[in-house]
Amino acid sequence: QVQLVESGGGSVQAGESLRLSCAASGISLSIHDMGWYRQAPGKQRELVAAITSGGSTDYADSVKGRFTISRDNAKETVWLQMNSLKPEDTARYYCNADATLLGGRRLEVWGQGTLVTVSS
């Protein structure tokens, strides 16, 4: 089994920065794509940033130029550096991983989420 644990959320003023971390634990043959999603009150959960095992990245238009996703495959950890935060970035942020377990089973795993609040 694989589990994800997020950390690094908090309350900041607009223009400030936060760095979120997501650590995977458990046994897997490999972890493929990893990503960060967010969900604000009354909104659908949306993709913020994603990264493949090879380092290819994808970002939501609303965060391009401000957020950076990175990972360390050996440590099975992914980070989200969030700069120039805006009030509209306020949401609970969730880590996601696509893993292949021993035996070939494909599994999608979600973390419990970490809250980010940005005040004007």
C-alpha atoms as a PDB file:
ATOM      1  CA  GLN A   1       0.000   0.000   0.000  1.00  0.00           C
ATOM      2  CA  VAL A   2       1.003   3.620  -0.571  1.00  0.00           C
ATOM      3  CA  GLN A   3       0.067   6.603   1.585  1.00  0.00           C
ATOM      4  CA  LEU A   4       0.584  10.336   1.045  1.00  0.00           C
ATOM      5  CA  VAL A   5       1.035  12.941   3.769  1.00  0.00           C
ATOM      6  CA  GLU A   6       0.953  16.679   3.005  1.00  0.00           C
ATOM      7  CA  SER A   7       2.420  19.470   5.109  1.00  0.00           C
ATOM      8  CA  GLY A   8       3.346  23.134   4.858  1.00  0.00           C
ATOM      9  CA  GLY A   9      -0.034  24.826   4.686  1.00  0.00           C
ATOM     10  CA  GLY A  10      -0.881  27.881   6.728  1.00  0.00           C
ATOM     11  CA  SER A  11      -2.176  31.446   6.733  1.00  0.00           C
ATOM     12  CA  VAL A  12      -0.276  34.196   4.915  1.00  0.00           C
ATOM     13  CA  GLN A  13      -0.784  37.676   3.497  1.00  0.00           C
ATOM     14  CA  ALA A  14      -1.135  38.313  -0.224  1.00  0.00           C
ATOM     15  CA  GLY A  15       2.239  38.423  -1.935  1.00  0.00           C
ATOM     16  CA  GLU A  16       3.893  36.022   0.487  1.00  0.00           C
ATOM     17  CA  SER A  17       5.069  32.468  -0.171  1.00  0.00           C
ATOM     18  CA  LEU A  18       4.501  28.937   1.070  1.00  0.00           C
ATOM     19  CA  ARG A  19       6.085  25.607   0.245  1.00  0.00           C
ATOM     20  CA  LEU A  20       3.969  22.472   0.452  1.00  0.00           C
ATOM     21  CA  SER A  21       5.466  19.012   0.848  1.00  0.00           C
ATOM     22  CA  CYS A  22       4.025  15.588   0.120  1.00  0.00           C
ATOM     23  CA  ALA A  23       5.775  12.427   1.240  1.00  0.00           C
ATOM     24  CA  ALA A  24       4.839   8.975  -0.020  1.00  0.00           C
ATOM     25  CA  SER A  25       5.284   5.890   2.100  1.00  0.00           C
ATOM     26  CA  GLY A  26       4.685   2.221   1.490  1.00  0.00           C
ATOM     27  CA  ILE A  27       5.674  -0.312  -1.114  1.00  0.00           C
ATOM     28  CA  SER A  28       5.302   0.265  -4.831  1.00  0.00           C
ATOM     29  CA  LEU A  29       7.039  -0.868  -7.965  1.00  0.00           C
ATOM     30  CA  SER A  30       7.107   2.712  -9.207  1.00  0.00           C
ATOM     31  CA  ILE A  31       5.337   6.043  -8.831  1.00  0.00           C
ATOM     32  CA  HIS A  32       4.416   7.711 -12.091  1.00  0.00           C
ATOM     33  CA  ASP A  33       2.667  11.076 -12.183  1.00  0.00           C
ATOM     34  CA  MET A  34       2.323  13.108  -8.996  1.00  0.00           C
ATOM     35  CA  GLY A  35       0.357  16.279  -8.606  1.00  0.00           C
ATOM     36  CA  TRP A  36      -1.257  18.917  -6.472  1.00  0.00           C
ATOM     37  CA  TYR A  37      -4.967  19.655  -6.546  1.00  0.00           C
ATOM     38  CA  ARG A  38      -6.954  22.216  -4.614  1.00  0.00           C
ATOM     39  CA  GLN A  39     -10.540  22.696  -3.584  1.00  0.00           C
ATOM     40  CA  ALA A  40     -12.026  25.968  -2.366  1.00  0.00           C
ATOM     41  CA  PRO A  41     -15.402  26.262  -0.611  1.00  0.00           C
ATOM     42  CA  GLY A  42     -18.197  25.844  -3.142  1.00  0.00           C
ATOM     43  CA  LYS A  43     -15.787  24.891  -5.911  1.00  0.00           C
ATOM     44  CA  GLN A  44     -14.795  21.695  -7.702  1.00  0.00           C
ATOM     45  CA  ARG A  45     -11.431  20.146  -7.003  1.00  0.00           C
ATOM     46  CA  GLU A  46      -9.006  21.318  -9.683  1.00  0.00           C
ATOM     47  CA  LEU A  47      -5.525  20.407 -10.844  1.00  0.00           C
ATOM     48  CA  VAL A  48      -2.906  22.945  -9.784  1.00  0.00           C
ATOM     49  CA  ALA A  49       0.309  21.288 -10.965  1.00  0.00           C
ATOM     50  CA  ALA A  50       1.522  17.861 -12.054  1.00  0.00           C
ATOM     51  CA  ILE A  51       4.896  16.250 -12.615  1.00  0.00           C
ATOM     52  CA  THR A  52       5.925  12.956 -14.204  1.00  0.00           C
ATOM     53  CA  SER A  53       8.653  10.661 -12.945  1.00  0.00           C
ATOM     54  CA  GLY A  54      10.851  12.118 -15.683  1.00  0.00           C
ATOM     55  CA  GLY A  55      10.313  15.690 -14.537  1.00  0.00           C
ATOM     56  CA  SER A  56       7.835  16.945 -17.125  1.00  0.00           C
ATOM     57  CA  THR A  57       5.464  19.495 -15.555  1.00  0.00           C
ATOM     58  CA  ASP A  58       2.037  20.936 -16.179  1.00  0.00           C
ATOM     59  CA  TYR A  59       0.342  23.891 -14.468  1.00  0.00           C
ATOM     60  CA  ALA A  60      -3.053  25.469 -14.281  1.00  0.00           C
ATOM     61  CA  ASP A  61      -3.144  28.776 -16.139  1.00  0.00           C
ATOM     62  CA  SER A  62      -4.008  30.610 -12.933  1.00  0.00           C
ATOM     63  CA  VAL A  63      -0.724  29.645 -11.250  1.00  0.00           C
ATOM     64  CA  LYS A  64       1.762  29.681 -14.128  1.00  0.00           C
ATOM     65  CA  GLY A  65       4.745  31.836 -13.302  1.00  0.00           C
ATOM     66  CA  ARG A  66       3.961  31.791  -9.592  1.00  0.00           C
ATOM     67  CA  PHE A  67       3.973  28.114  -8.565  1.00  0.00           C
ATOM     68  CA  THR A  68       6.656  25.484  -9.138  1.00  0.00           C
ATOM     69  CA  ILE A  69       6.281  21.745  -8.671  1.00  0.00           C
ATOM     70  CA  SER A  70       9.302  19.512  -8.079  1.00  0.00           C
ATOM     71  CA  ARG A  71      10.038  15.973  -6.916  1.00  0.00           C
ATOM     72  CA  ASP A  72      12.724  13.652  -5.674  1.00  0.00           C
ATOM     73  CA  ASN A  73      12.060  10.156  -6.983  1.00  0.00           C
ATOM     74  CA  ALA A  74      14.503   8.514  -4.585  1.00  0.00           C
ATOM     75  CA  LYS A  75      12.761  10.098  -1.602  1.00  0.00           C
ATOM     76  CA  GLU A  76       9.306   9.711  -3.164  1.00  0.00           C
ATOM     77  CA  THR A  77       8.527  13.305  -2.248  1.00  0.00           C
ATOM     78  CA  VAL A  78       6.904  16.120  -4.201  1.00  0.00           C
ATOM     79  CA  TRP A  79       6.868  19.843  -3.354  1.00  0.00           C
ATOM     80  CA  LEU A  80       4.836  22.826  -4.455  1.00  0.00           C
ATOM     81  CA  GLN A  81       6.554  26.196  -4.126  1.00  0.00           C
ATOM     82  CA  MET A  82       3.896  28.910  -4.109  1.00  0.00           C
ATOM     83  CA  ASN A  83       5.049  32.499  -4.612  1.00  0.00           C
ATOM     84  CA  SER A  84       3.115  35.748  -4.950  1.00  0.00           C
ATOM     85  CA  LEU A  85       0.092  34.185  -3.327  1.00  0.00           C
ATOM     86  CA  LYS A  86      -3.313  35.724  -3.965  1.00  0.00           C
ATOM     87  CA  PRO A  87      -6.551  35.511  -1.973  1.00  0.00           C
ATOM     88  CA  GLU A  88      -8.027  33.363  -4.752  1.00  0.00           C
ATOM     89  CA  ASP A  89      -5.386  30.727  -3.990  1.00  0.00           C
ATOM     90  CA  THR A  90      -7.142  30.028  -0.698  1.00  0.00           C
ATOM     91  CA  ALA A  91      -8.124  26.347  -0.681  1.00  0.00           C
ATOM     92  CA  ARG A  92      -7.330  22.972   0.736  1.00  0.00           C
ATOM     93  CA  TYR A  93      -4.473  21.481  -1.267  1.00  0.00           C
ATOM     94  CA  TYR A  94      -4.280  17.738  -1.921  1.00  0.00           C
ATOM     95  CA  CYS A  95      -1.389  15.597  -3.071  1.00  0.00           C
ATOM     96  CA  ASN A  96      -2.036  12.861  -5.632  1.00  0.00           C
ATOM     97  CA  ALA A  97       0.096   9.996  -6.916  1.00  0.00           C
ATOM     98  CA  ASP A  98      -0.313   7.374  -9.620  1.00  0.00           C
ATOM     99  CA  ALA A  99       1.525   4.228  -8.546  1.00  0.00           C
ATOM    100  CA  THR A 100       2.145   0.730  -9.865  1.00  0.00           C
ATOM    101  CA  LEU A 101       2.355  -1.865  -7.123  1.00  0.00           C
ATOM    102  CA  LEU A 102       4.320  -5.083  -7.129  1.00  0.00           C
ATOM    103  CA  GLY A 103       2.376  -7.477  -9.330  1.00  0.00           C
ATOM    104  CA  GLY A 104       1.293  -4.780 -11.760  1.00  0.00           C
ATOM    105  CA  ARG A 105      -1.719  -3.270 -10.001  1.00  0.00           C
ATOM    106  CA  ARG A 106      -2.219   0.413 -10.842  1.00  0.00           C
ATOM    107  CA  LEU A 107      -3.391   2.601  -7.957  1.00  0.00           C
ATOM    108  CA  GLU A 108      -4.284   6.267  -7.514  1.00  0.00           C
ATOM    109  CA  VAL A 109      -3.606   7.631  -4.034  1.00  0.00           C
ATOM    110  CA  TRP A 110      -4.774  10.872  -2.371  1.00  0.00           C
ATOM    111  CA  GLY A 111      -3.465  12.654   0.696  1.00  0.00           C
ATOM    112  CA  GLN A 112      -5.650  14.144   3.407  1.00  0.00           C
ATOM    113  CA  GLY A 113      -5.039  17.736   2.327  1.00  0.00           C
ATOM    114  CA  THR A 114      -3.449  20.819   3.870  1.00  0.00           C
ATOM    115  CA  LEU A 115      -5.193  24.183   4.198  1.00  0.00           C
ATOM    116  CA  VAL A 116      -3.808  27.359   2.622  1.00  0.00           C
ATOM    117  CA  THR A 117      -5.387  30.705   3.503  1.00  0.00           C
ATOM    118  CA  VAL A 118      -4.300  33.949   1.821  1.00  0.00           C
ATOM    119  CA  SER A 119      -5.527  37.273   3.199  1.00  0.00           C
ATOM    120  CA  SER A 120      -5.552  40.592   1.343  1.00  0.00           C
END
